[in-house]
PDB file of N, CA and C in Angstrom:
ATOM      1  N   MET A   1       0.823  -1.188   0.000  1.00  0.00           N
ATOM      2  CA  MET A   1       0.000   0.000   0.000  1.00  0.00           C
ATOM      3  C   MET A   1       0.874   1.260   0.000  1.00  0.00           C
ATOM      4  N   THR A   2       1.958   1.198   0.766  1.00  0.00           N
ATOM      5  CA  THR A   2       2.861   2.351   0.806  1.00  0.00           C
ATOM      6  C   THR A   2       3.407   2.641  -0.584  1.00  0.00           C
ATOM      7  N   ASP A   3       3.864   1.596  -1.261  1.00  0.00           N
ATOM      8  CA  ASP A   3       4.421   1.778  -2.606  1.00  0.00           C
ATOM      9  C   ASP A   3       3.369   2.291  -3.583  1.00  0.00           C
ATOM     10  N   LEU A   4       2.148   1.759  -3.490  1.00  0.00           N
ATOM     11  CA  LEU A   4       1.075   2.184  -4.387  1.00  0.00           C
ATOM     12  C   LEU A   4       0.795   3.671  -4.234  1.00  0.00           C
ATOM     13  N   TYR A   5       0.548   4.115  -3.005  1.00  0.00           N
ATOM     14  CA  TYR A   5       0.220   5.526  -2.805  1.00  0.00           C
ATOM     15  C   TYR A   5       1.437   6.427  -3.020  1.00  0.00           C
ATOM     16  N   GLY A   6       2.613   5.926  -2.734  1.00  0.00           N
ATOM     17  CA  GLY A   6       3.828   6.686  -3.032  1.00  0.00           C
ATOM     18  C   GLY A   6       3.987   6.905  -4.528  1.00  0.00           C
ATOM     19  N   GLU A   7       3.742   5.862  -5.299  1.00  0.00           N
ATOM     20  CA  GLU A   7       3.843   5.979  -6.762  1.00  0.00           C
ATOM     21  C   GLU A   7       2.771   6.918  -7.311  1.00  0.00           C
ATOM     22  N   LEU A   8       1.565   6.836  -6.771  1.00  0.00           N
ATOM     23  CA  LEU A   8       0.505   7.756  -7.200  1.00  0.00           C
ATOM     24  C   LEU A   8       0.893   9.206  -6.915  1.00  0.00           C
ATOM     25  N   CYS A   9       1.481   9.457  -5.747  1.00  0.00           N
ATOM     26  CA  CYS A   9       1.937  10.818  -5.412  1.00  0.00           C
ATOM     27  C   CYS A   9       3.018  11.288  -6.376  1.00  0.00           C
ATOM     28  N   ARG A  10       3.995  10.428  -6.639  1.00  0.00           N
ATOM     29  CA  ARG A  10       5.088  10.798  -7.549  1.00  0.00           C
ATOM     30  C   ARG A  10       4.556  11.069  -8.959  1.00  0.00           C
ATOM     31  N   ASP A  11       3.717  10.168  -9.446  1.00  0.00           N
ATOM     32  CA  ASP A  11       3.180  10.316 -10.797  1.00  0.00           C
ATOM     33  C   ASP A  11       2.329  11.578 -10.912  1.00  0.00           C
ATOM     34  N   ALA A  12       1.460  11.803  -9.939  1.00  0.00           N
ATOM     35  CA  ALA A  12       0.592  12.983  -9.973  1.00  0.00           C
ATOM     36  C   ALA A  12       1.403  14.268  -9.912  1.00  0.00           C
ATOM     37  N   THR A  13       2.465  14.274  -9.110  1.00  0.00           N
ATOM     38  CA  THR A  13       3.311  15.461  -9.001  1.00  0.00           C
ATOM     39  C   THR A  13       4.042  15.716 -10.312  1.00  0.00           C
ATOM     40  N   GLU A  14       4.610  14.664 -10.894  1.00  0.00           N
ATOM     41  CA  GLU A  14       5.333  14.808 -12.164  1.00  0.00           C
ATOM     42  C   GLU A  14       4.424  15.288 -13.286  1.00  0.00           C
ATOM     43  N   ARG A  15       3.184  14.848 -13.284  1.00  0.00           N
ATOM     44  CA  ARG A  15       2.242  15.213 -14.347  1.00  0.00           C
ATOM     45  C   ARG A  15       1.426  16.457 -14.008  1.00  0.00           C
ATOM     46  N   ASN A  16       1.745  17.061 -12.843  1.00  0.00           N
ATOM     47  CA  ASN A  16       1.028  18.246 -12.378  1.00  0.00           C
ATOM     48  C   ASN A  16      -0.479  17.989 -12.263  1.00  0.00           C
ATOM     49  N   LEU A  17      -0.830  16.802 -11.768  1.00  0.00           N
ATOM     50  CA  LEU A  17      -2.229  16.425 -11.592  1.00  0.00           C
ATOM     51  C   LEU A  17      -2.560  16.136 -10.134  1.00  0.00           C
ATOM     52  N   LEU A  18      -1.694  16.536  -9.225  1.00  0.00           N
ATOM     53  CA  LEU A  18      -1.920  16.246  -7.815  1.00  0.00           C
ATOM     54  C   LEU A  18      -3.080  17.088  -7.313  1.00  0.00           C
ATOM     55  N   GLY A  19      -4.183  16.435  -7.068  1.00  0.00           N
ATOM     56  CA  GLY A  19      -5.376  17.120  -6.576  1.00  0.00           C
ATOM     57  C   GLY A  19      -6.434  16.103  -6.204  1.00  0.00           C
ATOM     58  N   ASP A  20      -7.329  16.510  -5.340  1.00  0.00           N
ATOM     59  CA  ASP A  20      -8.379  15.595  -4.901  1.00  0.00           C
ATOM     60  C   ASP A  20      -9.371  15.281  -6.012  1.00  0.00           C
ATOM     61  N   ASP A  21      -9.379  16.086  -7.070  1.00  0.00           N
ATOM     62  CA  ASP A  21     -10.277  15.794  -8.197  1.00  0.00           C
ATOM     63  C   ASP A  21      -9.889  14.493  -8.891  1.00  0.00           C
ATOM     64  N   TYR A  22      -8.601  14.212  -8.946  1.00  0.00           N
ATOM     65  CA  TYR A  22      -8.108  13.031  -9.650  1.00  0.00           C
ATOM     66  C   TYR A  22      -7.806  11.860  -8.720  1.00  0.00           C
ATOM     67  N   TYR A  23      -7.430  12.152  -7.503  1.00  0.00           N
ATOM     68  CA  TYR A  23      -7.010  11.110  -6.556  1.00  0.00           C
ATOM     69  C   TYR A  23      -7.781  11.266  -5.245  1.00  0.00           C
ATOM     70  N   PHE A  24      -9.078  11.086  -5.296  1.00  0.00           N
ATOM     71  CA  PHE A  24      -9.914  11.306  -4.124  1.00  0.00           C
ATOM     72  C   PHE A  24     -10.042  10.035  -3.289  1.00  0.00           C
ATOM     73  N   LEU A  25      -9.888  10.206  -1.985  1.00  0.00           N
ATOM     74  CA  LEU A  25     -10.179   9.160  -1.009  1.00  0.00           C
ATOM     75  C   LEU A  25     -11.057   9.811   0.052  1.00  0.00           C
ATOM     76  N   SER A  26     -12.147   9.163   0.397  1.00  0.00           N
ATOM     77  CA  SER A  26     -13.072   9.752   1.365  1.00  0.00           C
ATOM     78  C   SER A  26     -12.467   9.782   2.763  1.00  0.00           C
ATOM     79  N   ASP A  27     -13.052  10.602   3.619  1.00  0.00           N
ATOM     80  CA  ASP A  27     -12.621  10.662   5.020  1.00  0.00           C
ATOM     81  C   ASP A  27     -12.795   9.301   5.691  1.00  0.00           C
ATOM     82  N   LEU A  28     -13.820   8.577   5.296  1.00  0.00           N
ATOM     83  CA  LEU A  28     -14.052   7.246   5.864  1.00  0.00           C
ATOM     84  C   LEU A  28     -12.909   6.298   5.511  1.00  0.00           C
ATOM     85  N   VAL A  29     -12.482   6.323   4.264  1.00  0.00           N
ATOM     86  CA  VAL A  29     -11.368   5.471   3.832  1.00  0.00           C
ATOM     87  C   VAL A  29     -10.093   5.851   4.582  1.00  0.00           C
ATOM     88  N   LEU A  30      -9.805   7.143   4.665  1.00  0.00           N
ATOM     89  CA  LEU A  30      -8.610   7.587   5.376  1.00  0.00           C
ATOM     90  C   LEU A  30      -8.681   7.219   6.859  1.00  0.00           C
ATOM     91  N   SER A  31      -9.869   7.310   7.451  1.00  0.00           N
ATOM     92  CA  SER A  31     -10.044   6.906   8.856  1.00  0.00           C
ATOM     93  C   SER A  31      -9.769   5.428   9.041  1.00  0.00           C
ATOM     94  N   LYS A  32     -10.243   4.605   8.118  1.00  0.00           N
ATOM     95  CA  LYS A  32     -10.006   3.155   8.194  1.00  0.00           C
ATOM     96  C   LYS A  32      -8.515   2.849   8.054  1.00  0.00           C
ATOM     97  N   PHE A  33      -7.837   3.540   7.142  1.00  0.00           N
ATOM     98  CA  PHE A  33      -6.386   3.371   6.990  1.00  0.00           C
ATOM     99  C   PHE A  33      -5.683   3.704   8.303  1.00  0.00           C
ATOM    100  N   LYS A  34      -6.079   4.829   8.921  1.00  0.00           N
ATOM    101  CA  LYS A  34      -5.468   5.245  10.180  1.00  0.00           C
ATOM    102  C   LYS A  34      -5.672   4.194  11.260  1.00  0.00           C
ATOM    103  N   MET A  35      -6.898   3.702  11.390  1.00  0.00           N
ATOM    104  CA  MET A  35      -7.181   2.704  12.421  1.00  0.00           C
ATOM    105  C   MET A  35      -6.405   1.413  12.164  1.00  0.00           C
ATOM    106  N   PHE A  36      -6.284   1.023  10.911  1.00  0.00           N
ATOM    107  CA  PHE A  36      -5.532  -0.178  10.568  1.00  0.00           C
ATOM    108  C   PHE A  36      -4.063  -0.040  10.976  1.00  0.00           C
ATOM    109  N   GLN A  37      -3.533   1.167  10.890  1.00  0.00           N
ATOM    110  CA  GLN A  37      -2.144   1.421  11.254  1.00  0.00           C
ATOM    111  C   GLN A  37      -1.977   1.731  12.746  1.00  0.00           C
ATOM    112  N   GLY A  38      -3.075   1.759  13.497  1.00  0.00           N
ATOM    113  CA  GLY A  38      -2.992   1.975  14.937  1.00  0.00           C
ATOM    114  C   GLY A  38      -3.191   3.410  15.380  1.00  0.00           C
ATOM    115  N   PHE A  39      -3.583   4.285  14.472  1.00  0.00           N
ATOM    116  CA  PHE A  39      -3.835   5.679  14.814  1.00  0.00           C
ATOM    117  C   PHE A  39      -5.295   5.884  15.170  1.00  0.00           C
ATOM    118  N   ASP A  40      -5.553   6.924  15.953  1.00  0.00           N
ATOM    119  CA  ASP A  40      -6.919   7.372  16.178  1.00  0.00           C
ATOM    120  C   ASP A  40      -7.451   7.828  14.815  1.00  0.00           C
ATOM    121  N   PRO A  41      -8.716   7.529  14.496  1.00  0.00           N
ATOM    122  CA  PRO A  41      -9.237   7.914  13.176  1.00  0.00           C
ATOM    123  C   PRO A  41      -9.273   9.417  12.928  1.00  0.00           C
ATOM    124  N   PHE A  42      -9.124  10.215  14.001  1.00  0.00           N
ATOM    125  CA  PHE A  42      -9.147  11.672  13.845  1.00  0.00           C
ATOM    126  C   PHE A  42      -7.754  12.293  13.850  1.00  0.00           C
ATOM    127  N   THR A  43      -6.702  11.471  13.848  1.00  0.00           N
ATOM    128  CA  THR A  43      -5.335  11.978  13.781  1.00  0.00           C
ATOM    129  C   THR A  43      -5.147  12.758  12.488  1.00  0.00           C
ATOM    130  N   HIS A  44      -4.567  13.954  12.593  1.00  0.00           N
ATOM    131  CA  HIS A  44      -4.372  14.798  11.409  1.00  0.00           C
ATOM    132  C   HIS A  44      -3.097  14.393  10.661  1.00  0.00           C
ATOM    133  N   PHE A  45      -3.230  14.208   9.383  1.00  0.00           N
ATOM    134  CA  PHE A  45      -2.097  14.025   8.486  1.00  0.00           C
ATOM    135  C   PHE A  45      -2.168  15.140   7.450  1.00  0.00           C
ATOM    136  N   PRO A  46      -1.040  15.763   7.129  1.00  0.00           N
ATOM    137  CA  PRO A  46      -1.061  16.878   6.171  1.00  0.00           C
ATOM    138  C   PRO A  46      -1.192  16.392   4.728  1.00  0.00           C
ATOM    139  N   GLY A  47      -1.603  17.295   3.878  1.00  0.00           N
ATOM    140  CA  GLY A  47      -1.616  17.014   2.445  1.00  0.00           C
ATOM    141  C   GLY A  47      -2.977  16.683   1.886  1.00  0.00           C
ATOM    142  N   LEU A  48      -2.974  16.437   0.589  1.00  0.00           N
ATOM    143  CA  LEU A  48      -4.181  16.027  -0.107  1.00  0.00           C
ATOM    144  C   LEU A  48      -4.464  14.555   0.198  1.00  0.00           C
ATOM    145  N   CYS A  49      -5.602  14.066  -0.242  1.00  0.00           N
ATOM    146  CA  CYS A  49      -6.032  12.698   0.103  1.00  0.00           C
ATOM    147  C   CYS A  49      -4.978  11.642  -0.197  1.00  0.00           C
ATOM    148  N   VAL A  50      -4.438  11.644  -1.396  1.00  0.00           N
ATOM    149  CA  VAL A  50      -3.469  10.615  -1.776  1.00  0.00           C
ATOM    150  C   VAL A  50      -2.170  10.769  -0.979  1.00  0.00           C
ATOM    151  N   GLU A  51      -1.794  12.002  -0.666  1.00  0.00           N
ATOM    152  CA  GLU A  51      -0.604  12.232   0.165  1.00  0.00           C
ATOM    153  C   GLU A  51      -0.836  11.732   1.590  1.00  0.00           C
ATOM    154  N   GLN A  52      -2.015  11.975   2.116  1.00  0.00           N
ATOM    155  CA  GLN A  52      -2.345  11.481   3.451  1.00  0.00           C
ATOM    156  C   GLN A  52      -2.305   9.958   3.488  1.00  0.00           C
ATOM    157  N   ALA A  53      -2.875   9.323   2.467  1.00  0.00           N
ATOM    158  CA  ALA A  53      -2.865   7.857   2.412  1.00  0.00           C
ATOM    159  C   ALA A  53      -1.426   7.343   2.417  1.00  0.00           C
ATOM    160  N   TYR A  54      -0.565   7.971   1.641  1.00  0.00           N
ATOM    161  CA  TYR A  54       0.839   7.573   1.594  1.00  0.00           C
ATOM    162  C   TYR A  54       1.498   7.720   2.961  1.00  0.00           C
ATOM    163  N   LEU A  55       1.280   8.862   3.616  1.00  0.00           N
ATOM    164  CA  LEU A  55       1.882   9.100   4.929  1.00  0.00           C
ATOM    165  C   LEU A  55       1.352   8.131   5.983  1.00  0.00           C
ATOM    166  N   ILE A  56       0.078   7.811   5.915  1.00  0.00           N
ATOM    167  CA  ILE A  56      -0.508   6.863   6.865  1.00  0.00           C
ATOM    168  C   ILE A  56       0.149   5.500   6.706  1.00  0.00           C
ATOM    169  N   TRP A  57       0.251   5.028   5.474  1.00  0.00           N
ATOM    170  CA  TRP A  57       0.835   3.696   5.238  1.00  0.00           C
ATOM    171  C   TRP A  57       2.341   3.687   5.460  1.00  0.00           C
ATOM    172  N   LEU A  58       2.967   4.855   5.425  1.00  0.00           N
ATOM    173  CA  LEU A  58       4.411   4.950   5.644  1.00  0.00           C
ATOM    174  C   LEU A  58       4.782   4.728   7.110  1.00  0.00           C
ATOM    175  N   GLN A  59       3.832   4.875   8.003  1.00  0.00           N
ATOM    176  CA  GLN A  59       4.081   4.740   9.438  1.00  0.00           C
ATOM    177  C   GLN A  59       4.135   3.274   9.854  1.00  0.00           C
ATOM    178  N   THR A  60       4.917   3.003  10.875  1.00  0.00           N
ATOM    179  CA  THR A  60       4.991   1.665  11.449  1.00  0.00           C
ATOM    180  C   THR A  60       3.747   1.426  12.297  1.00  0.00           C
ATOM    181  N   PRO A  61       3.067   0.289  12.129  1.00  0.00           N
ATOM    182  CA  PRO A  61       1.872   0.013  12.935  1.00  0.00           C
ATOM    183  C   PRO A  61       2.190  -0.030  14.432  1.00  0.00           C
ATOM    184  N   LEU A  62       1.213   0.345  15.247  1.00  0.00           N
ATOM    185  CA  LEU A  62       1.369   0.408  16.694  1.00  0.00           C
ATOM    186  C   LEU A  62       1.819  -0.930  17.274  1.00  0.00           C
ATOM    187  N   ASN A  63       1.260  -2.036  16.810  1.00  0.00           N
ATOM    188  CA  ASN A  63       1.649  -3.350  17.332  1.00  0.00           C
ATOM    189  C   ASN A  63       3.128  -3.634  17.082  1.00  0.00           C
ATOM    190  N   THR A  64       3.633  -3.228  15.939  1.00  0.00           N
ATOM    191  CA  THR A  64       5.044  -3.433  15.623  1.00  0.00           C
ATOM    192  C   THR A  64       5.914  -2.567  16.544  1.00  0.00           C
ATOM    193  N   LYS A  65       5.522  -1.308  16.746  1.00  0.00           N
ATOM    194  CA  LYS A  65       6.266  -0.432  17.653  1.00  0.00           C
ATOM    195  C   LYS A  65       6.296  -1.025  19.055  1.00  0.00           C
ATOM    196  N   ASN A  66       5.135  -1.520  19.518  1.00  0.00           N
ATOM    197  CA  ASN A  66       5.073  -2.101  20.859  1.00  0.00           C
ATOM    198  C   ASN A  66       5.947  -3.343  20.968  1.00  0.00           C
ATOM    199  N   ALA A  67       5.961  -4.179  19.950  1.00  0.00           N
ATOM    200  CA  ALA A  67       6.804  -5.382  19.968  1.00  0.00           C
ATOM    201  C   ALA A  67       8.275  -5.004  20.068  1.00  0.00           C
ATOM    202  N   LEU A  68       8.687  -3.962  19.349  1.00  0.00           N
ATOM    203  CA  LEU A  68      10.074  -3.499  19.412  1.00  0.00           C
ATOM    204  C   LEU A  68      10.409  -2.929  20.791  1.00  0.00           C
ATOM    205  N   LEU A  69       9.483  -2.179  21.382  1.00  0.00           N
ATOM    206  CA  LEU A  69       9.704  -1.642  22.718  1.00  0.00           C
ATOM    207  C   LEU A  69       9.886  -2.765  23.740  1.00  0.00           C
ATOM    208  N   VAL A  70       8.980  -3.732  23.731  1.00  0.00           N
ATOM    209  CA  VAL A  70       9.035  -4.848  24.683  1.00  0.00           C
ATOM    210  C   VAL A  70      10.318  -5.650  24.477  1.00  0.00           C
ATOM    211  N   ALA A  71      10.692  -5.897  23.230  1.00  0.00           N
ATOM    212  CA  ALA A  71      11.902  -6.669  22.933  1.00  0.00           C
ATOM    213  C   ALA A  71      13.160  -5.967  23.443  1.00  0.00           C
ATOM    214  N   ASN A  72      13.085  -4.643  23.598  1.00  0.00           N
ATOM    215  CA  ASN A  72      14.236  -3.872  24.075  1.00  0.00           C
ATOM    216  C   ASN A  72      14.100  -3.440  25.530  1.00  0.00           C
ATOM    217  N   GLY A  73      13.168  -4.068  26.251  1.00  0.00           N
ATOM    218  CA  GLY A  73      13.053  -3.841  27.684  1.00  0.00           C
ATOM    219  C   GLY A  73      12.215  -2.660  28.122  1.00  0.00           C
ATOM    220  N   PHE A  74      11.452  -2.061  27.216  1.00  0.00           N
ATOM    221  CA  PHE A  74      10.599  -0.930  27.560  1.00  0.00           C
ATOM    222  C   PHE A  74       9.152  -1.391  27.644  1.00  0.00           C
ATOM    223  N   PRO A  75       8.321  -0.691  28.418  1.00  0.00           N
ATOM    224  CA  PRO A  75       6.901  -1.054  28.450  1.00  0.00           C
ATOM    225  C   PRO A  75       6.224  -0.635  27.144  1.00  0.00           C
ATOM    226  N   PRO A  76       5.203  -1.375  26.730  1.00  0.00           N
ATOM    227  CA  PRO A  76       4.488  -0.984  25.502  1.00  0.00           C
ATOM    228  C   PRO A  76       3.741   0.329  25.703  1.00  0.00           C
ATOM    229  N   THR A  77       3.506   1.016  24.622  1.00  0.00           N
ATOM    230  CA  THR A  77       2.748   2.267  24.664  1.00  0.00           C
ATOM    231  C   THR A  77       1.383   2.022  24.025  1.00  0.00           C
ATOM    232  N   TYR A  78       0.422   2.781  24.446  1.00  0.00           N
ATOM    233  CA  TYR A  78      -0.900   2.683  23.839  1.00  0.00           C
ATOM    234  C   TYR A  78      -1.217   3.942  23.055  1.00  0.00           C
ATOM    235  N   GLU A  79      -0.197   4.779  22.927  1.00  0.00           N
ATOM    236  CA  GLU A  79      -0.325   5.989  22.119  1.00  0.00           C
ATOM    237  C   GLU A  79       0.086   5.655  20.694  1.00  0.00           C
ATOM    238  N   PRO A  80      -0.639   6.158  19.689  1.00  0.00           N
ATOM    239  CA  PRO A  80      -0.297   5.852  18.296  1.00  0.00           C
ATOM    240  C   PRO A  80       1.083   6.331  17.872  1.00  0.00           C
ATOM    241  N   VAL A  81       1.531   7.463  18.392  1.00  0.00           N
ATOM    242  CA  VAL A  81       2.833   7.994  18.014  1.00  0.00           C
ATOM    243  C   VAL A  81       3.670   8.117  19.283  1.00  0.00           C
ATOM    244  N   LEU A  82       4.860   7.544  19.281  1.00  0.00           N
ATOM    245  CA  LEU A  82       5.727   7.588  20.448  1.00  0.00           C
ATOM    246  C   LEU A  82       6.270   8.989  20.654  1.00  0.00           C
ATOM    247  N   PRO A  83       6.460   9.403  21.907  1.00  0.00           N
ATOM    248  CA  PRO A  83       7.071  10.725  22.146  1.00  0.00           C
ATOM    249  C   PRO A  83       8.423  10.808  21.447  1.00  0.00           C
ATOM    250  N   GLY A  84       8.665  11.933  20.810  1.00  0.00           N
ATOM    251  CA  GLY A  84       9.922  12.115  20.105  1.00  0.00           C
ATOM    252  C   GLY A  84       9.901  11.622  18.665  1.00  0.00           C
ATOM    253  N   ILE A  85       8.825  10.953  18.285  1.00  0.00           N
ATOM    254  CA  ILE A  85       8.694  10.452  16.915  1.00  0.00           C
ATOM    255  C   ILE A  85       7.708  11.372  16.196  1.00  0.00           C
ATOM    256  N   THR A  86       8.075  11.845  15.040  1.00  0.00           N
ATOM    257  CA  THR A  86       7.181  12.707  14.279  1.00  0.00           C
ATOM    258  C   THR A  86       6.689  11.980  13.051  1.00  0.00           C
ATOM    259  N   ILE A  87       5.547  12.397  12.584  1.00  0.00           N
ATOM    260  CA  ILE A  87       4.989  11.835  11.361  1.00  0.00           C
ATOM    261  C   ILE A  87       5.811  12.364  10.198  1.00  0.00           C
ATOM    262  N   ARG A  88       6.255  11.468   9.335  1.00  0.00           N
ATOM    263  CA  ARG A  88       7.051  11.876   8.182  1.00  0.00           C
ATOM    264  C   ARG A  88       6.174  12.641   7.200  1.00  0.00           C
ATOM    265  N   THR A  89       6.726  13.631   6.587  1.00  0.00           N
ATOM    266  CA  THR A  89       5.973  14.412   5.612  1.00  0.00           C
ATOM    267  C   THR A  89       6.605  14.265   4.234  1.00  0.00           C
ATOM    268  N   ILE A  90       5.819  14.557   3.244  1.00  0.00           N
ATOM    269  CA  ILE A  90       6.271  14.475   1.853  1.00  0.00           C
ATOM    270  C   ILE A  90       7.018  15.755   1.512  1.00  0.00           C
ATOM    271  N   GLN A  91       8.200  15.628   0.949  1.00  0.00           N
ATOM    272  CA  GLN A  91       8.966  16.787   0.494  1.00  0.00           C
ATOM    273  C   GLN A  91       8.646  17.032  -0.976  1.00  0.00           C
ATOM    274  N   ARG A  92       8.194  18.219  -1.294  1.00  0.00           N
ATOM    275  CA  ARG A  92       7.866  18.547  -2.696  1.00  0.00           C
ATOM    276  C   ARG A  92       8.976  19.314  -3.323  1.00  0.00           C
TER     277      ARG A  92
END
């Protein structure tokens, strides 16, 4: 999914077609993507729909983060984003 939405972002940018008119994803779809990745469905991601989808899928799922924390001797977190970790943004 990350590669798909990343490629759509790159292609749309190169063709100067980056806009919600051509690459629309509903708020419901974006909310489901967020929940699947372990985020609250109301977490804000910057950008247009396709850019948001890419950024959501670019994040490590909460369960994976928790497994890494536990494996390294830390308690698991129930927060979608760990303190000190920022959401990656698309550089244009």
